[in-house]
Amino acid sequence: MGMRHIGLRDVRQGGAQSRLRLLAPLRYLRVHNEEKARYDFIIPLILALGGWALYTLIEPKPPLFGEKGLLKFARDLLIMAVPFMVGALATVAMASQGPSLDSRPPGPELYLDGQALTLRQFVCYLLGYLCFLGLVILGATVGAELMHDTILAWVKGLPHLKKTIHAIGTLLLAGLLASFTVTIFWSLYFMTDVINRRARS
C-alpha cells in the first residue's frame, strides 16, 4: 500500500482543523496553569503602560528613529535573537523521543484545550510564540522606519494627528517589547528552575 503525502491541509490544532495556520504560535496564550496568565498579560501590561508613561513624560525624549534611535537597537537585537530561537525550536521539535522531553513537566500541570501538555509540547509552543512575537516586532520596526518620512508628509500641518500617531505607535511598541521581554524571562525561569526540580527531587 502506497504512502499518502501529507500537506499543510493535514495539520490540525486540537480537535478541529486550524484555518489560520500562520497564527498557530499564538495558541501559546491559550496554554494555562496557576500562574502563567500573570506573565502573559498582567506583568507585560503593567510594564508597557509604565514604560510608555515614562517615555511620554521625560524630556528630552530618546529618539525613536535614526542610527541612535530605539527602533534600531530593537531591530539589531531581534536580528540576532530570532534566528537563534528558530534554531532552538527546531532542535526541540525534532529531538528523538525520550522520557525527558515527552513526559509532563514538574510543577503545576500546563493545559491546552483541556489536555495536559508534555514538556516538548509546551517548550515548542513557548519558543514558537517567542519567534512569532520577535518577527512581528522586527517587521513593525522595519515598517516604521520605511514609512516614517511618508507619514510625516501626510500629517504635515496636522500637529494633533501627528501626536496621536506617535502616542499610539510608542504604546504599541512598548506593549510588544514588554510581552517579548517578560516571556523571555519567564522561559528562562521555566527552563532553569522548573525543569531542574525533577533532578533535585
N, C-alpha and C. Protein backbone atom coordinates (compact mmCIF):
# COMPACT_ATOMS: atom_id res chain seq x y z
N MET A 1 0.85 -1.19 0.00
CA MET A 1 0.00 0.00 0.00
C MET A 1 0.88 1.23 0.00
N GLY A 2 0.62 2.18 -0.91
CA GLY A 2 1.44 3.38 -1.03
C GLY A 2 1.23 4.33 0.13
N MET A 3 2.24 5.14 0.37
CA MET A 3 2.17 6.12 1.45
C MET A 3 1.59 7.42 0.92
N ARG A 4 0.63 8.00 1.63
CA ARG A 4 0.00 9.24 1.20
C ARG A 4 0.85 10.43 1.63
N HIS A 5 1.03 11.38 0.72
CA HIS A 5 1.77 12.58 1.05
C HIS A 5 0.96 13.46 2.00
N ILE A 6 1.63 14.03 2.97
CA ILE A 6 0.98 14.88 3.97
C ILE A 6 1.30 16.33 3.66
N GLY A 7 0.30 17.18 3.62
CA GLY A 7 0.48 18.60 3.32
C GLY A 7 -0.04 19.47 4.43
N LEU A 8 -0.04 20.79 4.18
CA LEU A 8 -0.48 21.74 5.20
C LEU A 8 -1.93 21.53 5.59
N ARG A 9 -2.76 21.04 4.66
CA ARG A 9 -4.17 20.83 4.99
C ARG A 9 -4.37 19.72 6.00
N ASP A 10 -3.34 18.91 6.22
CA ASP A 10 -3.47 17.83 7.19
C ASP A 10 -3.09 18.27 8.60
N VAL A 11 -2.56 19.49 8.73
CA VAL A 11 -2.15 19.98 10.04
C VAL A 11 -3.38 20.33 10.84
N ARG A 12 -3.46 19.80 12.04
CA ARG A 12 -4.61 20.08 12.89
C ARG A 12 -4.14 20.60 14.24
N GLN A 13 -4.93 21.49 14.82
CA GLN A 13 -4.67 22.02 16.15
C GLN A 13 -5.81 21.57 17.05
N GLY A 14 -5.51 20.76 18.04
CA GLY A 14 -6.56 20.26 18.91
C GLY A 14 -7.50 19.35 18.15
N GLY A 15 -8.81 19.51 18.40
CA GLY A 15 -9.78 18.65 17.76
C GLY A 15 -10.25 19.13 16.41
N ALA A 16 -10.13 20.44 16.13
CA ALA A 16 -10.64 20.99 14.87
C ALA A 16 -9.49 21.48 14.02
N GLN A 17 -9.71 21.44 12.71
CA GLN A 17 -8.67 21.88 11.79
C GLN A 17 -8.49 23.39 11.90
N SER A 18 -7.24 23.82 11.97
CA SER A 18 -6.94 25.24 12.11
C SER A 18 -6.96 25.91 10.74
N ARG A 19 -7.71 26.99 10.61
CA ARG A 19 -7.78 27.73 9.37
C ARG A 19 -6.72 28.82 9.30
N LEU A 20 -6.29 29.31 10.45
CA LEU A 20 -5.28 30.35 10.50
C LEU A 20 -3.95 29.72 10.93
N ARG A 21 -3.39 28.92 10.03
CA ARG A 21 -2.21 28.14 10.40
C ARG A 21 -1.02 29.01 10.75
N LEU A 22 -0.88 30.17 10.08
CA LEU A 22 0.27 31.02 10.35
C LEU A 22 0.17 31.70 11.71
N LEU A 23 -1.00 31.67 12.32
CA LEU A 23 -1.17 32.24 13.66
C LEU A 23 -1.13 31.16 14.74
N ALA A 24 -0.77 29.93 14.37
CA ALA A 24 -0.74 28.83 15.34
C ALA A 24 0.15 29.12 16.55
N PRO A 25 1.30 29.84 16.41
CA PRO A 25 2.10 30.13 17.61
C PRO A 25 1.36 30.90 18.69
N LEU A 26 0.30 31.63 18.33
CA LEU A 26 -0.46 32.38 19.32
C LEU A 26 -1.26 31.47 20.25
N ARG A 27 -1.36 30.19 19.90
CA ARG A 27 -2.04 29.25 20.79
C ARG A 27 -1.30 29.11 22.12
N TYR A 28 -0.05 29.55 22.16
CA TYR A 28 0.67 29.57 23.44
C TYR A 28 -0.11 30.36 24.49
N LEU A 29 -0.79 31.43 24.06
CA LEU A 29 -1.53 32.26 25.01
C LEU A 29 -2.73 31.53 25.61
N ARG A 30 -3.15 30.42 24.96
CA ARG A 30 -4.27 29.63 25.48
C ARG A 30 -3.80 28.53 26.42
N VAL A 31 -2.50 28.30 26.49
CA VAL A 31 -1.96 27.37 27.48
C VAL A 31 -2.11 28.01 28.86
N HIS A 32 -2.59 27.27 29.82
CA HIS A 32 -2.82 27.89 31.12
C HIS A 32 -2.43 26.94 32.25
N ASN A 33 -2.03 27.55 33.36
CA ASN A 33 -1.88 26.87 34.63
C ASN A 33 -2.11 27.91 35.73
N GLU A 34 -1.63 27.66 36.92
CA GLU A 34 -1.98 28.51 38.05
C GLU A 34 -1.42 29.92 37.93
N GLU A 35 -0.25 30.09 37.30
CA GLU A 35 0.39 31.41 37.33
C GLU A 35 0.76 31.96 35.96
N LYS A 36 0.54 31.22 34.89
CA LYS A 36 1.03 31.64 33.58
C LYS A 36 0.39 32.93 33.09
N ALA A 37 -0.91 33.13 33.34
CA ALA A 37 -1.59 34.34 32.86
C ALA A 37 -0.95 35.61 33.41
N ARG A 38 -0.39 35.51 34.58
CA ARG A 38 0.27 36.67 35.17
C ARG A 38 1.42 37.16 34.30
N TYR A 39 2.16 36.21 33.71
CA TYR A 39 3.32 36.57 32.90
C TYR A 39 2.94 36.80 31.44
N ASP A 40 1.79 36.33 31.02
CA ASP A 40 1.34 36.55 29.64
C ASP A 40 0.68 37.90 29.47
N PHE A 41 -0.06 38.35 30.49
CA PHE A 41 -0.89 39.54 30.31
C PHE A 41 -0.66 40.62 31.38
N ILE A 42 -0.70 40.25 32.64
CA ILE A 42 -0.73 41.26 33.70
C ILE A 42 0.59 42.01 33.80
N ILE A 43 1.70 41.28 33.95
CA ILE A 43 3.00 41.95 34.10
C ILE A 43 3.39 42.70 32.82
N PRO A 44 3.24 42.11 31.60
CA PRO A 44 3.53 42.90 30.40
C PRO A 44 2.69 44.17 30.29
N LEU A 45 1.41 44.11 30.68
CA LEU A 45 0.56 45.30 30.61
C LEU A 45 1.06 46.38 31.56
N ILE A 46 1.44 45.99 32.76
CA ILE A 46 1.96 46.97 33.73
C ILE A 46 3.26 47.58 33.23
N LEU A 47 4.16 46.74 32.71
CA LEU A 47 5.43 47.25 32.20
C LEU A 47 5.23 48.15 30.98
N ALA A 48 4.31 47.77 30.10
CA ALA A 48 4.07 48.56 28.89
C ALA A 48 3.52 49.94 29.25
N LEU A 49 2.52 49.98 30.12
CA LEU A 49 1.94 51.27 30.50
C LEU A 49 2.93 52.12 31.27
N GLY A 50 3.72 51.47 32.15
CA GLY A 50 4.72 52.22 32.90
C GLY A 50 5.82 52.78 32.01
N GLY A 51 6.32 51.94 31.09
CA GLY A 51 7.37 52.39 30.18
C GLY A 51 6.87 53.48 29.23
N TRP A 52 5.63 53.32 28.75
CA TRP A 52 5.07 54.32 27.85
C TRP A 52 4.85 55.65 28.56
N ALA A 53 4.35 55.59 29.81
CA ALA A 53 4.13 56.81 30.57
C ALA A 53 5.46 57.51 30.85
N LEU A 54 6.50 56.73 31.19
CA LEU A 54 7.81 57.33 31.44
C LEU A 54 8.35 58.00 30.19
N TYR A 55 8.18 57.34 29.04
CA TYR A 55 8.68 57.91 27.78
C TYR A 55 7.96 59.21 27.43
N THR A 56 6.66 59.26 27.68
CA THR A 56 5.90 60.47 27.33
C THR A 56 6.21 61.63 28.27
N LEU A 57 6.68 61.33 29.48
CA LEU A 57 6.91 62.39 30.46
C LEU A 57 8.31 62.98 30.41
N ILE A 58 9.30 62.15 30.08
CA ILE A 58 10.68 62.65 30.16
C ILE A 58 10.99 63.59 28.99
N GLU A 59 11.85 64.55 29.28
CA GLU A 59 12.34 65.48 28.26
C GLU A 59 13.83 65.71 28.50
N PRO A 60 14.66 65.72 27.45
CA PRO A 60 14.30 65.38 26.07
C PRO A 60 14.10 63.88 25.91
N LYS A 61 13.22 63.50 25.01
CA LYS A 61 12.91 62.09 24.79
C LYS A 61 14.02 61.40 23.99
N PRO A 62 14.32 60.14 24.31
CA PRO A 62 15.25 59.37 23.47
C PRO A 62 14.68 59.25 22.06
N PRO A 63 15.50 59.38 21.04
CA PRO A 63 14.98 59.31 19.67
C PRO A 63 14.48 57.91 19.32
N LEU A 64 13.45 57.84 18.51
CA LEU A 64 12.94 56.56 18.02
C LEU A 64 13.62 56.13 16.73
N PHE A 65 13.91 57.11 15.86
CA PHE A 65 14.42 56.81 14.53
C PHE A 65 15.88 57.25 14.41
N GLY A 66 16.54 56.76 13.36
CA GLY A 66 17.92 57.14 13.12
C GLY A 66 18.91 56.12 13.66
N GLU A 67 20.17 56.41 13.50
CA GLU A 67 21.24 55.50 13.90
C GLU A 67 21.30 55.29 15.41
N LYS A 68 20.87 56.28 16.19
CA LYS A 68 20.89 56.17 17.65
C LYS A 68 19.48 56.03 18.21
N GLY A 69 18.53 55.64 17.37
CA GLY A 69 17.15 55.52 17.82
C GLY A 69 16.85 54.19 18.46
N LEU A 70 15.77 54.16 19.24
CA LEU A 70 15.36 52.94 19.93
C LEU A 70 14.98 51.83 18.95
N LEU A 71 14.39 52.20 17.82
CA LEU A 71 13.99 51.18 16.85
C LEU A 71 15.19 50.43 16.28
N LYS A 72 16.29 51.15 16.07
CA LYS A 72 17.49 50.49 15.53
C LYS A 72 18.07 49.51 16.54
N PHE A 73 18.10 49.90 17.82
CA PHE A 73 18.61 48.99 18.85
C PHE A 73 17.73 47.74 18.95
N ALA A 74 16.40 47.93 18.92
CA ALA A 74 15.50 46.78 18.98
C ALA A 74 15.67 45.89 17.76
N ARG A 75 15.81 46.49 16.59
CA ARG A 75 15.96 45.71 15.36
C ARG A 75 17.27 44.92 15.36
N ASP A 76 18.36 45.54 15.79
CA ASP A 76 19.65 44.84 15.83
C ASP A 76 19.60 43.65 16.79
N LEU A 77 18.93 43.83 17.92
CA LEU A 77 18.81 42.74 18.89
C LEU A 77 17.99 41.59 18.32
N LEU A 78 16.88 41.91 17.65
CA LEU A 78 16.00 40.87 17.13
C LEU A 78 16.62 40.13 15.96
N ILE A 79 17.43 40.82 15.17
CA ILE A 79 18.10 40.16 14.05
C ILE A 79 18.99 39.02 14.54
N MET A 80 19.56 39.18 15.74
CA MET A 80 20.36 38.10 16.33
C MET A 80 19.50 37.08 17.07
N ALA A 81 18.45 37.55 17.75
CA ALA A 81 17.69 36.68 18.65
C ALA A 81 16.75 35.75 17.91
N VAL A 82 16.06 36.24 16.88
CA VAL A 82 15.03 35.43 16.22
C VAL A 82 15.62 34.18 15.56
N PRO A 83 16.71 34.26 14.77
CA PRO A 83 17.27 33.02 14.21
C PRO A 83 17.70 32.02 15.28
N PHE A 84 18.23 32.52 16.39
CA PHE A 84 18.62 31.62 17.47
C PHE A 84 17.41 30.88 18.02
N MET A 85 16.28 31.59 18.22
CA MET A 85 15.08 30.95 18.76
C MET A 85 14.47 29.98 17.76
N VAL A 86 14.52 30.31 16.47
CA VAL A 86 14.03 29.37 15.45
C VAL A 86 14.85 28.08 15.48
N GLY A 87 16.18 28.22 15.62
CA GLY A 87 17.04 27.04 15.71
C GLY A 87 16.74 26.22 16.95
N ALA A 88 16.50 26.89 18.08
CA ALA A 88 16.16 26.18 19.30
C ALA A 88 14.84 25.45 19.16
N LEU A 89 13.86 26.08 18.51
CA LEU A 89 12.56 25.44 18.28
C LEU A 89 12.72 24.18 17.43
N ALA A 90 13.51 24.28 16.36
CA ALA A 90 13.73 23.12 15.50
C ALA A 90 14.42 22.00 16.27
N THR A 91 15.36 22.34 17.13
CA THR A 91 16.08 21.33 17.91
C THR A 91 15.14 20.57 18.83
N VAL A 92 14.29 21.31 19.53
CA VAL A 92 13.36 20.66 20.47
C VAL A 92 12.32 19.84 19.71
N ALA A 93 11.78 20.41 18.63
CA ALA A 93 10.71 19.73 17.90
C ALA A 93 11.19 18.44 17.24
N MET A 94 12.44 18.43 16.76
CA MET A 94 12.96 17.28 16.00
C MET A 94 13.77 16.32 16.86
N ALA A 95 13.93 16.61 18.14
CA ALA A 95 14.71 15.73 19.00
C ALA A 95 14.05 14.36 19.12
N SER A 96 14.87 13.35 19.36
CA SER A 96 14.35 11.98 19.48
C SER A 96 13.45 11.87 20.69
N GLN A 97 12.49 10.96 20.60
CA GLN A 97 11.57 10.75 21.71
C GLN A 97 12.33 10.17 22.90
N GLY A 98 11.92 10.60 24.08
CA GLY A 98 12.56 10.11 25.29
C GLY A 98 11.79 10.58 26.50
N PRO A 99 12.06 10.00 27.67
CA PRO A 99 11.31 10.35 28.88
C PRO A 99 11.55 11.78 29.34
N SER A 100 12.69 12.37 29.00
CA SER A 100 12.96 13.72 29.48
C SER A 100 12.10 14.76 28.78
N LEU A 101 11.87 14.60 27.47
CA LEU A 101 11.10 15.59 26.72
C LEU A 101 9.62 15.24 26.61
N ASP A 102 9.30 13.97 26.60
CA ASP A 102 7.93 13.56 26.30
C ASP A 102 7.15 13.15 27.55
N SER A 103 7.56 13.65 28.70
CA SER A 103 6.80 13.44 29.92
C SER A 103 6.28 14.79 30.41
N ARG A 104 5.43 14.77 31.41
CA ARG A 104 4.88 16.00 31.94
C ARG A 104 5.95 16.77 32.70
N PRO A 105 6.02 18.08 32.55
CA PRO A 105 7.00 18.86 33.31
C PRO A 105 6.63 18.87 34.79
N PRO A 106 7.61 19.04 35.67
CA PRO A 106 7.30 19.10 37.09
C PRO A 106 6.54 20.37 37.42
N GLY A 107 5.90 20.39 38.57
CA GLY A 107 5.12 21.56 38.97
C GLY A 107 3.69 21.47 38.49
N PRO A 108 2.96 22.58 38.56
CA PRO A 108 1.55 22.58 38.14
C PRO A 108 1.41 22.19 36.67
N GLU A 109 0.34 21.45 36.37
CA GLU A 109 0.11 21.00 35.00
C GLU A 109 -0.14 22.19 34.08
N LEU A 110 0.27 22.03 32.82
CA LEU A 110 0.03 23.03 31.78
C LEU A 110 -1.00 22.45 30.83
N TYR A 111 -2.11 23.16 30.62
CA TYR A 111 -3.23 22.63 29.85
C TYR A 111 -3.47 23.45 28.59
N LEU A 112 -3.85 22.76 27.52
CA LEU A 112 -4.30 23.39 26.28
C LEU A 112 -5.47 22.58 25.76
N ASP A 113 -6.60 23.23 25.54
CA ASP A 113 -7.82 22.57 25.08
C ASP A 113 -8.21 21.42 26.00
N GLY A 114 -7.98 21.61 27.31
CA GLY A 114 -8.37 20.62 28.29
C GLY A 114 -7.44 19.44 28.42
N GLN A 115 -6.31 19.44 27.71
CA GLN A 115 -5.36 18.33 27.77
C GLN A 115 -4.03 18.82 28.35
N ALA A 116 -3.45 18.01 29.23
CA ALA A 116 -2.15 18.34 29.81
C ALA A 116 -1.06 18.18 28.77
N LEU A 117 -0.13 19.12 28.74
CA LEU A 117 0.94 19.12 27.75
C LEU A 117 2.19 18.43 28.29
N THR A 118 2.94 17.81 27.39
CA THR A 118 4.25 17.30 27.73
C THR A 118 5.25 18.45 27.70
N LEU A 119 6.45 18.19 28.20
CA LEU A 119 7.48 19.21 28.20
C LEU A 119 7.82 19.65 26.78
N ARG A 120 7.94 18.71 25.86
CA ARG A 120 8.26 19.04 24.48
C ARG A 120 7.17 19.95 23.88
N GLN A 121 5.90 19.59 24.09
CA GLN A 121 4.81 20.38 23.53
C GLN A 121 4.83 21.81 24.07
N PHE A 122 5.01 21.94 25.37
CA PHE A 122 4.98 23.28 25.94
C PHE A 122 6.16 24.13 25.47
N VAL A 123 7.35 23.54 25.45
CA VAL A 123 8.53 24.30 25.02
C VAL A 123 8.40 24.70 23.55
N CYS A 124 7.81 23.84 22.73
CA CYS A 124 7.59 24.19 21.33
C CYS A 124 6.64 25.37 21.20
N TYR A 125 5.55 25.35 21.96
CA TYR A 125 4.63 26.48 21.94
C TYR A 125 5.31 27.75 22.44
N LEU A 126 6.10 27.61 23.50
CA LEU A 126 6.80 28.77 24.07
C LEU A 126 7.78 29.38 23.07
N LEU A 127 8.64 28.55 22.47
CA LEU A 127 9.61 29.06 21.51
C LEU A 127 8.92 29.57 20.23
N GLY A 128 7.86 28.88 19.81
CA GLY A 128 7.13 29.34 18.64
C GLY A 128 6.51 30.71 18.87
N TYR A 129 5.97 30.92 20.06
CA TYR A 129 5.40 32.24 20.39
C TYR A 129 6.47 33.32 20.42
N LEU A 130 7.62 33.01 20.99
CA LEU A 130 8.71 33.99 21.02
C LEU A 130 9.20 34.31 19.60
N CYS A 131 9.32 33.31 18.75
CA CYS A 131 9.71 33.55 17.36
C CYS A 131 8.68 34.43 16.65
N PHE A 132 7.41 34.10 16.83
CA PHE A 132 6.33 34.87 16.20
C PHE A 132 6.36 36.32 16.68
N LEU A 133 6.46 36.51 17.99
CA LEU A 133 6.47 37.86 18.55
C LEU A 133 7.70 38.64 18.07
N GLY A 134 8.85 37.96 18.04
CA GLY A 134 10.06 38.62 17.56
C GLY A 134 9.96 39.06 16.11
N LEU A 135 9.36 38.20 15.26
CA LEU A 135 9.19 38.55 13.85
C LEU A 135 8.21 39.71 13.68
N VAL A 136 7.15 39.73 14.49
CA VAL A 136 6.19 40.84 14.43
C VAL A 136 6.86 42.15 14.81
N ILE A 137 7.63 42.14 15.89
CA ILE A 137 8.31 43.37 16.31
C ILE A 137 9.34 43.79 15.27
N LEU A 138 10.08 42.82 14.73
CA LEU A 138 11.06 43.13 13.70
C LEU A 138 10.39 43.76 12.48
N GLY A 139 9.30 43.18 12.03
CA GLY A 139 8.57 43.74 10.90
C GLY A 139 8.02 45.12 11.19
N ALA A 140 7.53 45.32 12.43
CA ALA A 140 6.98 46.62 12.80
C ALA A 140 8.06 47.70 12.82
N THR A 141 9.25 47.36 13.35
CA THR A 141 10.32 48.36 13.40
C THR A 141 10.82 48.71 12.00
N VAL A 142 10.94 47.71 11.14
CA VAL A 142 11.36 47.98 9.76
C VAL A 142 10.30 48.81 9.04
N GLY A 143 9.03 48.43 9.20
CA GLY A 143 7.96 49.18 8.57
C GLY A 143 7.89 50.62 9.05
N ALA A 144 8.09 50.82 10.36
CA ALA A 144 8.06 52.18 10.90
C ALA A 144 9.18 53.04 10.31
N GLU A 145 10.36 52.45 10.17
CA GLU A 145 11.47 53.19 9.58
C GLU A 145 11.18 53.54 8.12
N LEU A 146 10.63 52.59 7.38
CA LEU A 146 10.37 52.82 5.96
C LEU A 146 9.26 53.85 5.74
N MET A 147 8.26 53.86 6.60
CA MET A 147 7.11 54.74 6.42
C MET A 147 7.24 56.07 7.14
N HIS A 148 8.33 56.26 7.88
CA HIS A 148 8.47 57.46 8.72
C HIS A 148 8.32 58.75 7.93
N ASP A 149 9.11 58.90 6.88
CA ASP A 149 9.06 60.15 6.10
C ASP A 149 7.72 60.31 5.39
N THR A 150 7.15 59.21 4.92
CA THR A 150 5.85 59.28 4.24
C THR A 150 4.76 59.76 5.18
N ILE A 151 4.75 59.19 6.40
CA ILE A 151 3.72 59.59 7.37
C ILE A 151 3.90 61.05 7.78
N LEU A 152 5.16 61.48 7.94
CA LEU A 152 5.40 62.89 8.28
C LEU A 152 4.85 63.81 7.18
N ALA A 153 4.99 63.38 5.93
CA ALA A 153 4.44 64.19 4.84
C ALA A 153 2.92 64.22 4.87
N TRP A 154 2.29 63.08 5.22
CA TRP A 154 0.83 63.03 5.28
C TRP A 154 0.26 63.93 6.37
N VAL A 155 0.94 63.98 7.54
CA VAL A 155 0.39 64.73 8.68
C VAL A 155 0.99 66.13 8.78
N LYS A 156 1.67 66.56 7.76
CA LYS A 156 2.23 67.92 7.77
C LYS A 156 1.10 68.93 7.90
N GLY A 157 1.23 69.81 8.86
CA GLY A 157 0.18 70.79 9.13
C GLY A 157 -0.93 70.27 10.02
N LEU A 158 -0.81 69.02 10.50
CA LEU A 158 -1.81 68.44 11.41
C LEU A 158 -1.11 67.98 12.68
N PRO A 159 -0.72 68.90 13.54
CA PRO A 159 0.09 68.53 14.72
C PRO A 159 -0.63 67.58 15.68
N HIS A 160 -1.95 67.72 15.83
CA HIS A 160 -2.68 66.84 16.74
C HIS A 160 -2.69 65.40 16.24
N LEU A 161 -2.88 65.23 14.93
CA LEU A 161 -2.84 63.89 14.35
C LEU A 161 -1.45 63.29 14.47
N LYS A 162 -0.43 64.11 14.27
CA LYS A 162 0.95 63.63 14.41
C LYS A 162 1.22 63.14 15.82
N LYS A 163 0.76 63.89 16.83
CA LYS A 163 0.97 63.47 18.23
C LYS A 163 0.19 62.20 18.54
N THR A 164 -1.01 62.08 17.96
CA THR A 164 -1.82 60.88 18.20
C THR A 164 -1.15 59.64 17.62
N ILE A 165 -0.67 59.75 16.38
CA ILE A 165 0.01 58.63 15.74
C ILE A 165 1.27 58.25 16.52
N HIS A 166 2.01 59.25 16.97
CA HIS A 166 3.24 59.00 17.75
C HIS A 166 2.90 58.29 19.05
N ALA A 167 1.84 58.75 19.73
CA ALA A 167 1.47 58.14 21.01
C ALA A 167 1.02 56.70 20.82
N ILE A 168 0.19 56.43 19.80
CA ILE A 168 -0.27 55.07 19.55
C ILE A 168 0.89 54.16 19.17
N GLY A 169 1.78 54.66 18.31
CA GLY A 169 2.93 53.86 17.89
C GLY A 169 3.84 53.50 19.04
N THR A 170 4.14 54.47 19.90
CA THR A 170 5.02 54.18 21.04
C THR A 170 4.35 53.24 22.04
N LEU A 171 3.02 53.36 22.19
CA LEU A 171 2.31 52.45 23.10
C LEU A 171 2.33 51.03 22.57
N LEU A 172 2.10 50.85 21.26
CA LEU A 172 2.16 49.52 20.66
C LEU A 172 3.56 48.92 20.79
N LEU A 173 4.58 49.74 20.53
CA LEU A 173 5.95 49.25 20.65
C LEU A 173 6.25 48.84 22.08
N ALA A 174 5.81 49.65 23.05
CA ALA A 174 6.03 49.32 24.46
C ALA A 174 5.34 48.01 24.83
N GLY A 175 4.12 47.80 24.31
CA GLY A 175 3.40 46.57 24.61
C GLY A 175 4.07 45.34 24.03
N LEU A 176 4.51 45.43 22.77
CA LEU A 176 5.17 44.30 22.14
C LEU A 176 6.50 43.97 22.82
N LEU A 177 7.29 44.99 23.11
CA LEU A 177 8.58 44.76 23.76
C LEU A 177 8.40 44.23 25.18
N ALA A 178 7.38 44.71 25.88
CA ALA A 178 7.13 44.21 27.24
C ALA A 178 6.74 42.74 27.21
N SER A 179 5.85 42.36 26.29
CA SER A 179 5.45 40.95 26.18
C SER A 179 6.64 40.06 25.82
N PHE A 180 7.45 40.52 24.87
CA PHE A 180 8.61 39.75 24.44
C PHE A 180 9.61 39.58 25.58
N THR A 181 9.89 40.66 26.30
CA THR A 181 10.88 40.62 27.38
C THR A 181 10.41 39.75 28.54
N VAL A 182 9.16 39.92 28.96
CA VAL A 182 8.65 39.14 30.09
C VAL A 182 8.60 37.66 29.74
N THR A 183 8.19 37.33 28.50
CA THR A 183 8.12 35.92 28.09
C THR A 183 9.51 35.30 28.06
N ILE A 184 10.52 36.06 27.64
CA ILE A 184 11.89 35.54 27.66
C ILE A 184 12.32 35.24 29.09
N PHE A 185 12.08 36.17 30.00
CA PHE A 185 12.48 35.94 31.40
C PHE A 185 11.69 34.79 32.01
N TRP A 186 10.40 34.67 31.65
CA TRP A 186 9.62 33.56 32.18
C TRP A 186 10.13 32.23 31.62
N SER A 187 10.53 32.21 30.36
CA SER A 187 11.07 30.98 29.77
C SER A 187 12.40 30.61 30.42
N LEU A 188 13.22 31.62 30.75
CA LEU A 188 14.47 31.34 31.45
C LEU A 188 14.20 30.74 32.83
N TYR A 189 13.21 31.29 33.53
CA TYR A 189 12.83 30.73 34.83
C TYR A 189 12.34 29.29 34.68
N PHE A 190 11.50 29.05 33.67
CA PHE A 190 10.93 27.72 33.49
C PHE A 190 12.01 26.70 33.16
N MET A 191 12.93 27.07 32.25
CA MET A 191 13.91 26.10 31.76
C MET A 191 15.14 25.98 32.65
N THR A 192 15.32 26.89 33.60
CA THR A 192 16.45 26.76 34.52
C THR A 192 16.03 26.30 35.91
N ASP A 193 14.80 26.59 36.30
CA ASP A 193 14.37 26.23 37.64
C ASP A 193 13.33 25.11 37.63
N VAL A 194 12.24 25.31 36.91
CA VAL A 194 11.14 24.34 36.96
C VAL A 194 11.58 22.99 36.42
N ILE A 195 12.23 22.98 35.26
CA ILE A 195 12.64 21.70 34.66
C ILE A 195 13.62 20.96 35.55
N ASN A 196 14.49 21.69 36.23
CA ASN A 196 15.52 21.05 37.05
C ASN A 196 15.01 20.61 38.42
N ARG A 197 13.77 20.89 38.75
CA ARG A 197 13.23 20.42 40.01
C ARG A 197 13.22 18.89 40.06
N ARG A 198 12.99 18.27 38.91
CA ARG A 198 12.98 16.81 38.85
C ARG A 198 14.36 16.25 39.20
N ALA A 199 15.41 16.95 38.71
CA ALA A 199 16.76 16.46 39.00
C ALA A 199 17.12 16.63 40.48
N ARG A 200 16.55 17.68 41.12
CA ARG A 200 16.88 17.93 42.53
C ARG A 200 16.05 17.08 43.48
N SER A 201 14.88 16.62 42.97
CA SER A 201 13.99 15.85 43.85
C SER A 201 14.46 14.39 43.99
